[in-house]
Amino acid sequence: MANNVNNSLAVVQISEEGQKVWDSIIARIEALPDNKHLTGLFYEADSDGFWIVPEGVYAGDAVGAKWAFPNDYDECYMNIESAWGPVIPLAEYVAEEIGKVDPDVKLVMTYEDEMPNFIGVTTFTADGIDTDNSIDADDLQQYLFEQHPDIGEMWDEDECDWKEGKEDDAWDAMSDVQWDVYNEWQEAHTEWSA
């Protein structure tokens, strides 16, 4: 089974004309067949509901993941669950579509693998990707230990495992703080090139 990735795409700055494009993309999502698979933004269905795939368009390339489904969305936010990787190409598409009428649009997307094997934050402008910062599991763990040395003290560097007898305490302590620490990392690494 694929690791799920949580993607949260949010509007930071948008004009009235840009908002109309965002709203039209949301309307297209709402019009998708029941499963709301986001490749439907790039494919069309025939009268029997089977996808007509344009030549040269592949789900992984168009969306950024094998599959992606919206969990929630509104006038300034989309939450998308995807397989294996973040939906950076999809978010880039949204930003570029808005950018056709709003050269000052700014979107930001945070993403987290469920394990987490990685987390990241990507910013977008009318030109597509502006910045992309990510961190993998090993560096995430080290970052968490730096933020919470008491947890880091329970880690055995030589064995690459929790110290004997500390496993339960370490997992409990880590699970209490890890997502807050990771969200703080994302906030600290949300950058704009200009």
Protein backbone atom coordinates (compact mmCIF):
# COMPACT_ATOMS: atom_id res chain seq x y z
CA MET A 1 0.00 0.00 0.00
CA ALA A 2 1.22 3.47 -0.84
CA ASN A 3 2.25 5.94 1.80
CA ASN A 4 -0.28 8.73 1.85
CA VAL A 5 0.90 12.30 1.57
CA ASN A 6 -1.14 15.17 2.97
CA ASN A 7 -0.97 18.30 0.79
CA SER A 8 -2.39 21.66 1.88
CA LEU A 9 -2.51 24.34 -0.84
CA ALA A 10 -3.46 27.83 0.34
CA VAL A 11 -3.94 31.21 -1.27
CA VAL A 12 -1.59 33.83 0.14
CA GLN A 13 -2.33 36.62 -2.35
CA ILE A 14 -4.88 36.73 -5.15
CA SER A 15 -6.74 39.37 -7.16
CA GLU A 16 -10.44 39.41 -7.87
CA GLU A 17 -9.78 38.05 -11.38
CA GLY A 18 -7.46 35.41 -9.97
CA GLN A 19 -10.12 34.38 -7.49
CA LYS A 20 -12.47 33.68 -10.39
CA VAL A 21 -9.92 31.25 -11.82
CA TRP A 22 -9.46 29.55 -8.43
CA ASP A 23 -13.24 29.29 -8.11
CA SER A 24 -13.48 27.80 -11.61
CA ILE A 25 -10.92 25.13 -10.69
CA ILE A 26 -12.91 24.32 -7.54
CA ALA A 27 -16.06 24.07 -9.71
CA ARG A 28 -14.21 21.65 -12.02
CA ILE A 29 -13.25 19.54 -8.99
CA GLU A 30 -16.84 19.50 -7.78
CA ALA A 31 -17.98 18.38 -11.26
CA LEU A 32 -15.61 15.38 -11.30
CA PRO A 33 -17.13 11.89 -11.07
CA ASP A 34 -17.90 10.58 -7.60
CA ASN A 35 -14.36 9.51 -6.75
CA LYS A 36 -13.04 13.05 -7.51
CA HIS A 37 -9.68 11.70 -8.74
CA LEU A 38 -7.79 14.89 -9.62
CA THR A 39 -6.40 13.54 -12.87
CA GLY A 40 -9.91 14.43 -14.05
CA LEU A 41 -8.74 18.03 -14.22
CA PHE A 42 -6.55 16.95 -17.13
CA TYR A 43 -8.54 14.06 -18.61
CA GLU A 44 -12.09 13.98 -19.91
CA ALA A 45 -14.61 11.19 -19.57
CA ASP A 46 -16.55 9.68 -22.45
CA SER A 47 -20.32 9.13 -22.29
CA ASP A 48 -19.79 5.85 -20.37
CA GLY A 49 -17.61 7.56 -17.77
CA PHE A 50 -14.28 6.12 -18.98
CA TRP A 51 -11.31 8.49 -19.05
CA ILE A 52 -10.12 9.77 -22.41
CA VAL A 53 -6.43 10.30 -21.85
CA PRO A 54 -4.83 12.93 -24.07
CA GLU A 55 -1.70 11.60 -25.74
CA GLY A 56 1.38 12.31 -23.67
CA VAL A 57 -0.52 13.16 -20.45
CA TYR A 58 0.21 10.87 -17.51
CA ALA A 59 -1.30 11.11 -14.03
CA GLY A 60 2.03 11.19 -12.26
CA ASP A 61 3.27 13.98 -14.50
CA ALA A 62 0.08 16.04 -14.49
CA VAL A 63 -0.76 15.68 -10.80
CA GLY A 64 2.57 14.66 -9.28
CA ALA A 65 1.37 11.40 -7.77
CA LYS A 66 -0.09 8.06 -8.81
CA TRP A 67 -3.41 9.23 -7.40
CA ALA A 68 -4.72 12.32 -5.63
CA PHE A 69 -8.11 13.10 -4.09
CA PRO A 70 -9.37 16.33 -2.52
CA ASN A 71 -10.40 16.00 1.12
CA ASP A 72 -11.52 19.58 1.59
CA TYR A 73 -11.53 22.83 -0.37
CA ASP A 74 -13.00 26.31 -0.31
CA GLU A 75 -12.39 29.79 -1.71
CA CYS A 76 -8.78 29.91 -0.53
CA TYR A 77 -7.67 26.39 0.40
CA MET A 78 -7.37 22.81 -0.87
CA ASN A 79 -6.43 19.75 1.15
CA ILE A 80 -5.41 16.83 -1.06
CA GLU A 81 -4.40 13.27 -0.19
CA SER A 82 -1.98 11.68 -2.63
CA ALA A 83 0.11 8.52 -3.06
CA TRP A 84 3.87 8.48 -2.49
CA GLY A 85 4.63 12.10 -3.34
CA PRO A 86 3.39 15.67 -3.11
CA VAL A 87 1.16 17.17 -5.79
CA ILE A 88 3.62 19.90 -6.75
CA PRO A 89 2.80 19.72 -10.51
CA LEU A 90 -0.92 20.11 -9.77
CA ALA A 91 -0.29 23.13 -7.52
CA GLU A 92 2.01 24.59 -10.18
CA TYR A 93 -0.77 24.17 -12.75
CA VAL A 94 -3.23 25.99 -10.47
CA ALA A 95 -0.77 28.86 -9.89
CA GLU A 96 0.02 29.20 -13.61
CA GLU A 97 -3.67 29.17 -14.57
CA ILE A 98 -4.36 31.93 -12.05
CA GLY A 99 -1.20 33.71 -13.19
CA LYS A 100 -2.67 34.17 -16.66
CA VAL A 101 -4.99 36.83 -15.19
CA ASP A 102 -3.18 37.67 -11.93
CA PRO A 103 0.59 38.22 -12.26
CA ASP A 104 0.90 38.81 -8.49
CA VAL A 105 -0.73 35.57 -7.31
CA LYS A 106 0.98 33.74 -4.45
CA LEU A 107 0.13 30.22 -3.26
CA VAL A 108 1.85 28.06 -0.66
CA MET A 109 1.67 24.31 -0.26
CA THR A 110 2.82 22.28 2.73
CA TYR A 111 3.08 18.51 2.47
CA GLU A 112 3.83 15.62 4.80
CA ASP A 113 4.35 11.93 4.19
CA GLU A 114 2.38 9.96 6.79
CA MET A 115 5.40 8.10 8.22
CA PRO A 116 6.86 10.82 7.86
CA ASN A 117 9.58 9.96 5.35
CA PHE A 118 9.66 13.63 4.32
CA ILE A 119 7.91 16.95 4.74
CA GLY A 120 8.14 20.13 2.71
CA VAL A 121 6.82 23.51 1.76
CA THR A 122 6.62 24.94 -1.78
CA THR A 123 5.68 28.46 -2.79
CA PHE A 124 4.16 29.35 -6.16
CA THR A 125 3.76 32.50 -8.20
CA ALA A 126 2.26 33.19 -11.62
CA ASP A 127 5.38 31.61 -13.13
CA GLY A 128 4.96 28.34 -11.23
CA ILE A 129 7.30 27.08 -8.51
CA ASP A 130 9.01 29.89 -6.64
CA THR A 131 10.79 27.98 -3.86
CA ASP A 132 10.74 24.36 -2.70
CA ASN A 133 12.14 23.24 0.64
CA SER A 134 11.94 19.69 1.91
CA ILE A 135 13.59 17.55 4.55
CA ASP A 136 13.85 13.75 4.76
CA ALA A 137 13.25 11.42 7.71
CA ASP A 138 16.84 11.33 9.01
CA ASP A 139 17.18 15.10 9.00
CA LEU A 140 13.67 15.45 10.45
CA GLN A 141 14.64 13.25 13.37
CA GLN A 142 17.81 15.25 13.95
CA TYR A 143 15.83 18.50 13.77
CA LEU A 144 13.34 17.18 16.34
CA PHE A 145 16.19 16.12 18.64
CA GLU A 146 17.65 19.64 18.39
CA GLN A 147 14.29 21.13 19.35
CA HIS A 148 13.73 18.57 22.14
CA PRO A 149 17.11 17.43 23.53
CA ASP A 150 15.33 15.34 26.19
CA ILE A 151 14.03 13.10 23.41
CA GLY A 152 17.39 13.07 21.63
CA GLU A 153 19.05 11.80 24.81
CA MET A 154 16.98 8.61 24.52
CA TRP A 155 18.42 7.85 21.05
CA ASP A 156 21.39 5.50 20.64
CA GLU A 157 23.37 6.89 17.72
CA ASP A 158 25.57 3.78 17.41
CA GLU A 159 22.61 1.39 17.27
CA CYS A 160 20.36 3.76 15.27
CA ASP A 161 17.57 2.93 17.68
CA TRP A 162 16.13 4.02 20.99
CA LYS A 163 18.20 3.17 24.04
CA GLU A 164 17.20 -0.07 25.72
CA GLY A 165 14.39 0.47 28.17
CA LYS A 166 13.59 3.90 26.74
CA GLU A 167 11.58 2.80 23.69
CA ASP A 168 8.08 3.43 25.06
CA ASP A 169 8.98 6.73 26.73
CA ALA A 170 10.76 7.91 23.58
CA TRP A 171 7.88 7.05 21.24
CA ASP A 172 5.36 8.67 23.58
CA ALA A 173 7.42 11.85 23.93
CA MET A 174 8.09 12.02 20.21
CA SER A 175 4.47 11.45 19.22
CA ASP A 176 3.41 14.29 21.55
CA VAL A 177 5.57 16.89 19.76
CA GLN A 178 6.56 15.67 16.31
CA TRP A 179 3.78 17.22 14.21
CA ASP A 180 4.07 20.57 15.98
CA VAL A 181 7.82 20.55 15.38
CA TYR A 182 7.38 19.59 11.74
CA ASN A 183 4.75 22.29 11.17
CA GLU A 184 7.10 24.84 12.77
CA TRP A 185 9.83 23.70 10.35
CA GLN A 186 7.44 24.26 7.42
CA GLU A 187 6.54 27.74 8.63
CA ALA A 188 10.22 28.64 9.11
CA HIS A 189 11.07 27.42 5.60
CA THR A 190 8.24 29.15 3.73
CA GLU A 191 10.23 31.47 1.47
CA TRP A 192 9.69 33.76 -1.50
CA SER A 193 12.46 34.52 -3.98
CA ALA A 194 11.42 38.17 -4.28
